[in-house]
């Protein structure tokens, strides 16, 4: 049973598909996304599902997935309940909440067990982070020290580079796939056409040679701007097509961080493992501060919680890689979010397509602009702190009408005269 926002945008977001794959025991990190349609069609036609890949059960998606559009559970608008009946008529139920940023909380469970780990540098606010940085550490160094409480530094670095591998593969794939996005809006994919226009002579064979070809094409403002848009479009067109993306901090905002990092690699200083790691660590800490002080969930805070946060994360990461101070990094994050405050979440038809895909291009461009502003400014004269803008974002989220929070009940979602299947 899907409740609230999870129900209203469930089909558009592919939540019903995710539920079936999850019940089947499929891992989103390793499952071949090219097999999604075939597997879902098999479950639908046979009305059988192999639970956790081991136990066959009767399962008819049309009957066994309920979209409870008018019911919302109090803890969070994105709620899901699994209800199972055994042969002896015993019934089992568990409820989970998708709270944003890829985090899932089970009802009745305490906070994640990892919270019991003693971190060398505990951070809850931007002010905490700046205080710790007074010890002479950069933001990324503070984060690496904390990550080492869970695993070795080598393991953390490998994990971050693995994440970047998924991001760049998604971006490259999205720049070379044409067609119409699924779901009924008939939105045409644009990244591949833009890629072809910007690189009319295809003289590359893989991601590395593609990046080199882009770099060799020039660096004027319009060319760079077009490529940043292309990078972001590519990722979110893949997301809309059930491709593999990195939740950064959400799937709907997954294109901003890869686009900004690819901009840095292509047009600034070239590729270096240590710079990718530095960018990721700084961006992640920025997102974590937003999660602790506000929300990463559009169902709770509107699109400011997704595109706004992703833009702030990217701005901070880029600023550190460009040599900015710790205070300039947080200033860049503040600037990026300040100009996303109040952004509503109003996907047409519940699909993560319009206006979501284009919003990633805007978030990426704003992140780069925010970084440049911060690098050319003195934080001593800043009037707004990152903590202040995070509180403002949360206050705005609390005041925002629910129809602008990923329900498709307001905004563009009801003002575009399109005939769509119910979702």
Protein backbone atom coordinates (compact mmCIF):
# COMPACT_ATOMS: atom_id res chain seq x y z
CA UNK A 1 0.00 0.00 0.00
CA UNK A 2 1.39 3.36 -1.07
CA UNK A 3 0.29 6.45 0.82
CA UNK A 4 0.20 10.19 0.18
CA UNK A 5 2.80 11.62 -2.17
CA UNK A 6 4.20 8.16 -2.79
CA UNK A 7 0.79 7.13 -4.12
CA UNK A 8 0.00 10.27 -6.10
CA UNK A 9 3.26 10.18 -8.06
CA UNK A 10 3.89 6.46 -7.64
CA UNK A 11 3.35 5.29 -11.19
CA UNK A 12 5.04 8.34 -12.66
CA UNK A 13 8.06 7.78 -10.43
CA UNK A 14 8.10 4.03 -11.10
CA UNK A 15 7.51 3.23 -7.43
CA UNK A 16 5.35 0.24 -8.33
CA UNK A 17 8.18 -1.11 -10.48
CA UNK A 18 10.72 -0.52 -7.71
CA UNK A 19 8.51 -2.36 -5.22
CA UNK A 20 8.28 -5.42 -7.46
CA UNK A 21 12.02 -5.51 -8.10
CA UNK A 22 12.70 -5.02 -4.41
CA UNK A 23 10.38 -7.85 -3.41
CA UNK A 24 12.19 -9.99 -5.97
CA UNK A 25 15.46 -9.35 -4.15
CA UNK A 26 17.07 -7.40 -6.99
CA UNK A 27 19.92 -5.05 -6.08
CA UNK A 28 19.60 -1.55 -7.65
CA UNK A 29 23.40 -1.30 -7.77
CA UNK A 30 23.92 -4.44 -9.86
CA UNK A 31 20.60 -5.26 -11.57
CA UNK A 32 20.76 -4.94 -15.36
CA UNK A 33 18.41 -2.03 -16.05
CA UNK A 34 17.90 -3.33 -19.60
CA UNK A 35 15.94 -6.23 -18.09
CA UNK A 36 13.45 -4.16 -16.07
CA UNK A 37 10.62 -4.19 -18.62
CA UNK A 38 10.92 -7.92 -19.30
CA UNK A 39 10.88 -8.78 -15.61
CA UNK A 40 7.93 -6.54 -14.79
CA UNK A 41 5.99 -7.91 -17.78
CA UNK A 42 6.68 -11.48 -16.62
CA UNK A 43 5.37 -10.74 -13.11
CA UNK A 44 2.26 -9.10 -14.57
CA UNK A 45 1.49 -11.86 -17.06
CA UNK A 46 2.19 -14.82 -14.78
CA UNK A 47 0.83 -13.13 -11.64
CA UNK A 48 3.72 -14.73 -9.77
CA UNK A 49 6.71 -13.20 -8.00
CA UNK A 50 9.84 -14.92 -6.72
CA UNK A 51 10.11 -13.38 -3.25
CA UNK A 52 13.73 -12.47 -2.51
CA UNK A 53 14.64 -14.58 -5.52
CA UNK A 54 13.75 -17.77 -3.60
CA UNK A 55 10.06 -18.27 -2.80
CA UNK A 56 7.34 -18.12 -5.44
CA UNK A 57 4.21 -16.31 -4.31
CA UNK A 58 0.98 -15.25 -5.98
CA UNK A 59 1.29 -11.60 -6.90
CA UNK A 60 -0.86 -9.55 -9.25
CA UNK A 61 0.46 -5.98 -9.47
CA UNK A 62 -2.92 -4.68 -10.58
CA UNK A 63 -4.56 -6.08 -7.43
CA UNK A 64 -1.76 -6.27 -4.89
CA UNK A 65 -0.31 -2.75 -5.15
CA UNK A 66 -2.78 -0.24 -3.73
CA UNK A 67 -2.38 3.48 -4.39
CA UNK A 68 -4.08 5.20 -1.46
CA UNK A 69 -4.24 8.69 -2.94
CA UNK A 70 -6.25 10.29 -0.13
CA UNK A 71 -4.49 8.72 2.87
CA UNK A 72 -1.29 10.08 4.42
CA UNK A 73 0.56 8.69 7.41
CA UNK A 74 1.65 11.28 10.00
CA UNK A 75 5.40 10.60 10.10
CA UNK A 76 6.12 11.35 6.43
CA UNK A 77 4.11 11.80 3.19
CA UNK A 78 6.16 9.09 1.42
CA UNK A 79 4.93 5.96 3.19
CA UNK A 80 4.62 2.34 2.14
CA UNK A 81 3.15 -0.66 3.98
CA UNK A 82 3.83 -4.29 3.13
CA UNK A 83 0.98 -6.60 4.16
CA UNK A 84 1.41 -10.37 3.85
CA UNK A 85 -0.97 -13.21 4.73
CA UNK A 86 0.46 -16.65 5.53
CA UNK A 87 -1.26 -19.97 4.83
CA UNK A 88 -2.44 -20.15 8.44
CA UNK A 89 -4.15 -16.78 7.95
CA UNK A 90 -1.61 -14.99 10.11
CA UNK A 91 -1.03 -11.47 8.81
CA UNK A 92 2.22 -9.53 8.89
CA UNK A 93 2.60 -5.82 8.25
CA UNK A 94 5.59 -3.48 8.12
CA UNK A 95 5.63 0.20 7.22
CA UNK A 96 8.54 2.10 5.72
CA UNK A 97 9.09 5.77 4.94
CA UNK A 98 11.14 7.16 2.06
CA UNK A 99 12.45 10.28 3.80
CA UNK A 100 14.61 11.67 0.98
CA UNK A 101 18.17 11.29 -0.17
CA UNK A 102 17.79 7.54 -0.63
CA UNK A 103 17.17 7.05 3.09
CA UNK A 104 14.44 4.64 4.20
CA UNK A 105 13.19 4.44 7.78
CA UNK A 106 11.23 1.48 9.16
CA UNK A 107 8.38 2.37 11.48
CA UNK A 108 9.15 1.54 15.08
CA UNK A 109 12.90 1.30 14.63
CA UNK A 110 15.31 3.64 16.33
CA UNK A 111 17.66 5.76 14.27
CA UNK A 112 20.28 4.02 12.19
CA UNK A 113 22.69 1.97 14.31
CA UNK A 114 25.59 3.87 12.76
CA UNK A 115 24.57 6.89 14.83
CA UNK A 116 26.17 5.17 17.84
CA UNK A 117 29.64 5.47 16.31
CA UNK A 118 31.75 8.17 17.91
CA UNK A 119 32.97 10.51 15.20
CA UNK A 120 36.20 12.46 15.70
CA UNK A 121 34.53 15.57 14.24
CA UNK A 122 30.75 15.53 14.84
CA UNK A 123 28.94 18.01 12.58
CA UNK A 124 25.29 19.06 12.74
CA UNK A 125 25.45 22.61 11.42
CA UNK A 126 27.59 24.70 9.12
CA UNK A 127 28.78 26.56 12.21
CA UNK A 128 30.02 23.26 13.68
CA UNK A 129 31.89 22.54 10.48
CA UNK A 130 33.58 25.95 10.38
CA UNK A 131 34.63 25.60 14.01
CA UNK A 132 36.27 22.25 13.24
CA UNK A 133 37.97 23.67 10.16
CA UNK A 134 39.72 26.19 12.41
CA UNK A 135 42.02 23.28 13.32
CA UNK A 136 43.51 23.74 9.85
CA UNK A 137 41.51 21.07 8.01
CA UNK A 138 39.62 21.54 4.79
CA UNK A 139 35.97 20.43 4.64
CA UNK A 140 36.88 17.31 2.69
CA UNK A 141 39.57 16.43 5.24
CA UNK A 142 37.08 16.72 8.12
CA UNK A 143 34.68 14.42 6.27
CA UNK A 144 37.40 11.89 5.47
CA UNK A 145 38.37 11.72 9.15
CA UNK A 146 34.74 11.02 10.05
CA UNK A 147 34.32 8.42 7.31
CA UNK A 148 37.34 6.61 8.72
CA UNK A 149 35.24 5.75 11.78
CA UNK A 150 33.36 3.30 9.54
CA UNK A 151 35.99 2.06 7.11
CA UNK A 152 39.57 2.62 5.97
CA UNK A 153 40.48 5.70 3.97
CA UNK A 154 41.31 3.50 0.99
CA UNK A 155 37.84 1.93 1.10
CA UNK A 156 36.17 5.34 1.28
CA UNK A 157 38.18 6.60 -1.69
CA UNK A 158 37.35 3.51 -3.72
CA UNK A 159 33.67 3.88 -2.87
CA UNK A 160 33.64 7.50 -3.99
CA UNK A 161 35.38 6.70 -7.27
CA UNK A 162 32.90 3.85 -7.83
CA UNK A 163 30.09 6.38 -7.40
CA UNK A 164 31.75 8.67 -9.93
CA UNK A 165 32.06 5.75 -12.35
CA UNK A 166 28.28 5.26 -12.22
CA UNK A 167 27.70 8.99 -12.67
CA UNK A 168 29.97 9.33 -15.68
CA UNK A 169 28.64 6.13 -17.31
CA UNK A 170 25.11 7.44 -16.87
CA UNK A 171 26.07 10.82 -18.34
CA UNK A 172 27.85 9.26 -21.31
CA UNK A 173 24.99 6.84 -21.96
CA UNK A 174 22.43 9.64 -21.76
CA UNK A 175 24.38 11.69 -24.30
CA UNK A 176 24.12 8.89 -26.83
CA UNK A 177 20.54 7.62 -26.47
CA UNK A 178 17.75 9.15 -28.53
CA UNK A 179 14.01 8.55 -28.44
CA UNK A 180 10.88 9.37 -26.47
CA UNK A 181 10.73 9.12 -22.69
CA UNK A 182 8.21 6.60 -21.32
CA UNK A 183 5.11 7.57 -19.38
CA UNK A 184 2.74 9.22 -21.85
CA UNK A 185 4.01 12.83 -21.99
CA UNK A 186 5.88 12.04 -25.22
CA UNK A 187 8.88 14.10 -24.12
CA UNK A 188 11.71 13.84 -26.62
CA UNK A 189 15.19 13.15 -25.29
CA UNK A 190 17.46 16.11 -26.08
CA UNK A 191 20.91 15.33 -24.71
CA UNK A 192 21.97 13.09 -27.61
CA UNK A 193 20.92 15.64 -30.23
CA UNK A 194 22.73 18.41 -28.36
CA UNK A 195 25.83 16.23 -28.01
CA UNK A 196 25.77 15.55 -31.75
CA UNK A 197 25.35 19.24 -32.53
CA UNK A 198 28.23 20.27 -30.30
CA UNK A 199 30.48 17.45 -31.59
CA UNK A 200 29.48 17.13 -35.26
CA UNK A 201 32.56 15.04 -36.05
CA UNK A 202 32.43 11.99 -33.79
CA UNK A 203 36.11 11.36 -33.12
CA UNK A 204 35.84 9.47 -29.84
CA UNK A 205 35.08 5.92 -28.72
CA UNK A 206 34.53 6.09 -24.96
CA UNK A 207 34.01 8.46 -22.03
CA UNK A 208 37.67 9.52 -21.79
CA UNK A 209 38.08 10.32 -25.48
CA UNK A 210 34.64 12.01 -25.44
CA UNK A 211 35.74 14.31 -22.61
CA UNK A 212 38.94 15.12 -24.50
CA UNK A 213 36.95 15.89 -27.66
CA UNK A 214 34.71 18.27 -25.72
CA UNK A 215 37.72 20.01 -24.15
CA UNK A 216 39.37 20.41 -27.54
CA UNK A 217 36.20 22.05 -28.89
CA UNK A 218 36.80 25.29 -27.05
CA UNK A 219 35.96 27.07 -23.85
CA UNK A 220 33.86 30.10 -24.75
CA UNK A 221 30.88 30.89 -22.53
CA UNK A 222 28.11 29.65 -24.81
CA UNK A 223 29.94 26.38 -25.60
CA UNK A 224 30.59 25.69 -21.92
CA UNK A 225 27.02 26.57 -20.96
CA UNK A 226 25.60 24.23 -23.60
CA UNK A 227 27.74 21.37 -22.35
CA UNK A 228 26.76 21.84 -18.71
CA UNK A 229 23.12 21.69 -19.79
CA UNK A 230 23.83 18.63 -21.92
CA UNK A 231 25.50 16.78 -19.02
CA UNK A 232 22.56 17.46 -16.71
CA UNK A 233 19.93 16.62 -19.33
CA UNK A 234 21.65 13.32 -20.08
CA UNK A 235 21.53 12.08 -16.49
CA UNK A 236 17.92 12.98 -15.87
CA UNK A 237 16.75 11.60 -19.18
CA UNK A 238 18.36 8.36 -18.08
CA UNK A 239 16.55 8.64 -14.76
CA UNK A 240 13.24 9.15 -16.56
CA UNK A 241 13.98 6.03 -18.63
CA UNK A 242 14.73 3.80 -15.63
CA UNK A 243 18.47 3.96 -16.20
CA UNK A 244 20.94 3.64 -13.33
CA UNK A 245 21.64 6.95 -11.63
CA UNK A 246 23.23 8.01 -8.35
CA UNK A 247 20.87 9.46 -5.74
CA UNK A 248 22.60 12.82 -5.28
CA UNK A 249 20.80 13.80 -3.11
CA UNK A 250 17.70 12.44 -4.89
CA UNK A 251 17.00 10.77 -8.22
CA UNK A 252 15.01 13.75 -9.45
CA UNK A 253 18.03 15.98 -8.79
CA UNK A 254 20.64 13.42 -9.84
CA UNK A 255 22.00 15.44 -12.77
CA UNK A 256 23.34 18.50 -10.96
CA UNK A 257 26.40 17.06 -9.20
CA UNK A 258 27.62 14.98 -12.20
CA UNK A 259 27.16 17.97 -14.52
CA UNK A 260 29.14 20.33 -12.29
CA UNK A 261 31.89 17.80 -11.62
CA UNK A 262 32.11 17.02 -15.34
CA UNK A 263 32.31 20.77 -16.01
CA UNK A 264 35.27 20.98 -13.62
CA UNK A 265 37.02 18.00 -15.21
CA UNK A 266 36.41 19.18 -18.76
CA UNK A 267 36.86 22.93 -18.57
CA UNK A 268 38.91 23.63 -15.44
CA UNK A 269 41.75 21.38 -14.31
CA UNK A 270 41.28 18.02 -15.99
CA UNK A 271 40.75 14.67 -14.32
CA UNK A 272 42.45 13.75 -11.05
CA UNK A 273 41.20 11.09 -8.65
CA UNK A 274 41.98 13.24 -5.63
CA UNK A 275 39.91 16.14 -7.00
CA UNK A 276 36.88 13.90 -7.61
CA UNK A 277 37.20 12.59 -4.04
CA UNK A 278 37.59 16.12 -2.67
CA UNK A 279 34.50 17.31 -4.57
CA UNK A 280 32.39 14.35 -3.42
CA UNK A 281 33.35 14.64 0.24
CA UNK A 282 32.63 18.36 0.40
CA UNK A 283 29.35 18.02 -1.48
CA UNK A 284 28.27 15.12 0.74
CA UNK A 285 28.92 17.03 3.96
CA UNK A 286 26.92 19.96 2.62
CA UNK A 287 24.00 17.68 1.83
CA UNK A 288 24.25 16.07 5.25
CA UNK A 289 23.94 19.45 6.96
CA UNK A 290 20.80 20.16 4.93
CA UNK A 291 19.37 16.78 5.88
CA UNK A 292 19.98 17.41 9.58
CA UNK A 293 18.63 20.97 9.56
CA UNK A 294 15.83 20.68 7.02
CA UNK A 295 14.94 17.93 4.54
CA UNK A 296 16.04 16.29 1.29
CA UNK A 297 12.50 15.21 0.44
CA UNK A 298 10.37 17.08 -2.11
CA UNK A 299 7.33 15.49 -0.47
CA UNK A 300 8.28 17.41 2.67
CA UNK A 301 9.83 20.57 1.27
CA UNK A 302 9.08 20.99 -2.41
CA UNK A 303 11.75 21.03 -5.11
CA UNK A 304 13.92 23.40 -3.07
CA UNK A 305 14.76 20.27 -1.07
CA UNK A 306 15.98 18.46 -4.18
CA UNK A 307 17.32 20.77 -6.87
CA UNK A 308 18.13 23.47 -4.31
CA UNK A 309 20.12 21.11 -2.10
CA UNK A 310 21.89 19.45 -5.05
CA UNK A 311 22.90 22.87 -6.36
CA UNK A 312 24.24 23.86 -2.93
CA UNK A 313 26.16 20.59 -2.66
CA UNK A 314 27.71 21.03 -6.11
CA UNK A 315 28.57 24.67 -5.42
CA UNK A 316 30.46 23.76 -2.24
CA UNK A 317 32.30 20.87 -3.89
CA UNK A 318 33.33 22.96 -6.89
CA UNK A 319 34.50 25.83 -4.70
CA UNK A 320 36.85 23.61 -2.67
CA UNK A 321 38.28 22.06 -5.84
CA UNK A 322 38.86 25.55 -7.23
CA UNK A 323 40.93 26.51 -4.19
CA UNK A 324 38.26 28.29 -2.17
CA UNK A 325 38.47 28.56 1.58
CA UNK A 326 36.15 26.66 3.89
CA UNK A 327 34.05 29.78 4.41
CA UNK A 328 33.85 30.39 0.66
CA UNK A 329 32.63 26.81 0.16
CA UNK A 330 29.78 27.32 2.61
CA UNK A 331 29.10 30.76 1.14
CA UNK A 332 28.74 29.16 -2.30
CA UNK A 333 26.29 26.60 -0.88
CA UNK A 334 24.29 29.39 0.75
CA UNK A 335 24.13 31.43 -2.46
CA UNK A 336 22.96 28.42 -4.45
CA UNK A 337 20.17 27.58 -2.01
CA UNK A 338 19.17 31.19 -1.46
CA UNK A 339 18.12 31.37 -5.10
CA UNK A 340 16.11 28.14 -4.96
CA UNK A 341 14.08 29.03 -1.86
CA UNK A 342 10.39 28.31 -2.32
CA UNK A 343 10.85 26.18 -5.45
CA UNK A 344 7.79 23.96 -5.75
CA UNK A 345 7.63 20.33 -6.81
CA UNK A 346 4.93 19.99 -9.46
CA UNK A 347 5.80 17.16 -11.88
CA UNK A 348 3.28 16.90 -14.70
CA UNK A 349 1.52 13.55 -14.54
CA UNK A 350 3.68 12.55 -11.60
CA UNK A 351 6.51 11.89 -14.06
CA UNK A 352 10.04 13.05 -13.25
CA UNK A 353 10.28 14.79 -16.62
CA UNK A 354 8.61 18.20 -16.85
CA UNK A 355 9.85 20.46 -15.32
CA UNK A 356 12.27 18.18 -13.44
CA UNK A 357 14.79 17.44 -16.20
CA UNK A 358 15.36 21.08 -17.16
CA UNK A 359 15.55 22.08 -13.51
CA UNK A 360 18.73 20.03 -13.23
CA UNK A 361 20.35 22.17 -15.91
CA UNK A 362 19.35 25.30 -14.00
CA UNK A 363 20.60 23.86 -10.71
CA UNK A 364 23.97 23.05 -12.27
CA UNK A 365 24.38 26.50 -13.79
CA UNK A 366 23.37 28.17 -10.52
CA UNK A 367 25.93 26.02 -8.66
CA UNK A 368 28.73 27.18 -10.95
CA UNK A 369 27.59 30.80 -10.69
CA UNK A 370 27.34 30.55 -6.89
CA UNK A 371 30.86 29.12 -6.73
CA UNK A 372 32.25 31.91 -8.90
CA UNK A 373 30.52 34.54 -6.78
CA UNK A 374 31.89 33.04 -3.58
CA UNK A 375 35.41 32.76 -4.98
CA UNK A 376 35.33 36.44 -5.91
CA UNK A 377 33.85 37.52 -2.56
CA UNK A 378 34.91 37.86 1.04
CA UNK A 379 32.71 35.85 3.42
CA UNK A 380 33.42 38.55 6.03
CA UNK A 381 30.85 40.73 4.30
CA UNK A 382 28.19 38.05 3.73
CA UNK A 383 24.81 38.92 5.23
CA UNK A 384 23.32 35.41 5.18
CA UNK A 385 24.91 32.29 6.65
CA UNK A 386 24.37 28.75 5.40
CA UNK A 387 22.67 27.81 8.67
CA UNK A 388 20.30 30.76 8.27
CA UNK A 389 19.33 29.73 4.75
CA UNK A 390 18.81 26.11 5.85
CA UNK A 391 16.45 27.28 8.60
CA UNK A 392 14.68 29.51 6.09
CA UNK A 393 14.31 26.58 3.72
CA UNK A 394 12.73 24.48 6.47
CA UNK A 395 10.41 27.32 7.53
CA UNK A 396 9.38 27.69 3.89
CA UNK A 397 8.76 23.95 3.64
CA UNK A 398 6.50 24.02 6.69
CA UNK A 399 4.51 26.94 5.23
CA UNK A 400 4.27 25.46 1.73
CA UNK A 401 0.89 24.12 0.65
CA UNK A 402 0.94 20.34 0.25
CA UNK A 403 -0.18 20.61 -3.38
CA UNK A 404 3.30 21.97 -4.17
CA UNK A 405 5.09 19.07 -2.48
CA UNK A 406 5.48 16.27 -5.04
CA UNK A 407 1.77 15.50 -5.17
CA UNK A 408 1.11 16.73 -8.72
CA UNK A 409 -1.95 18.49 -7.25
CA UNK A 410 -0.79 22.02 -8.08
CA UNK A 411 1.43 24.26 -10.16
CA UNK A 412 2.43 23.14 -13.65
CA UNK A 413 0.98 19.70 -12.95
CA UNK A 414 -2.58 21.05 -13.18
CA UNK A 415 -2.05 23.93 -15.59
CA UNK A 416 -0.72 22.03 -18.59
CA UNK A 417 -3.61 20.77 -20.77
CA UNK A 418 -2.39 17.26 -21.44
CA UNK A 419 -4.32 14.02 -21.49
CA UNK A 420 -2.43 11.43 -19.50
CA UNK A 421 -3.16 8.04 -18.02
CA UNK A 422 -3.90 8.22 -14.31
CA UNK A 423 -0.72 8.31 -12.26
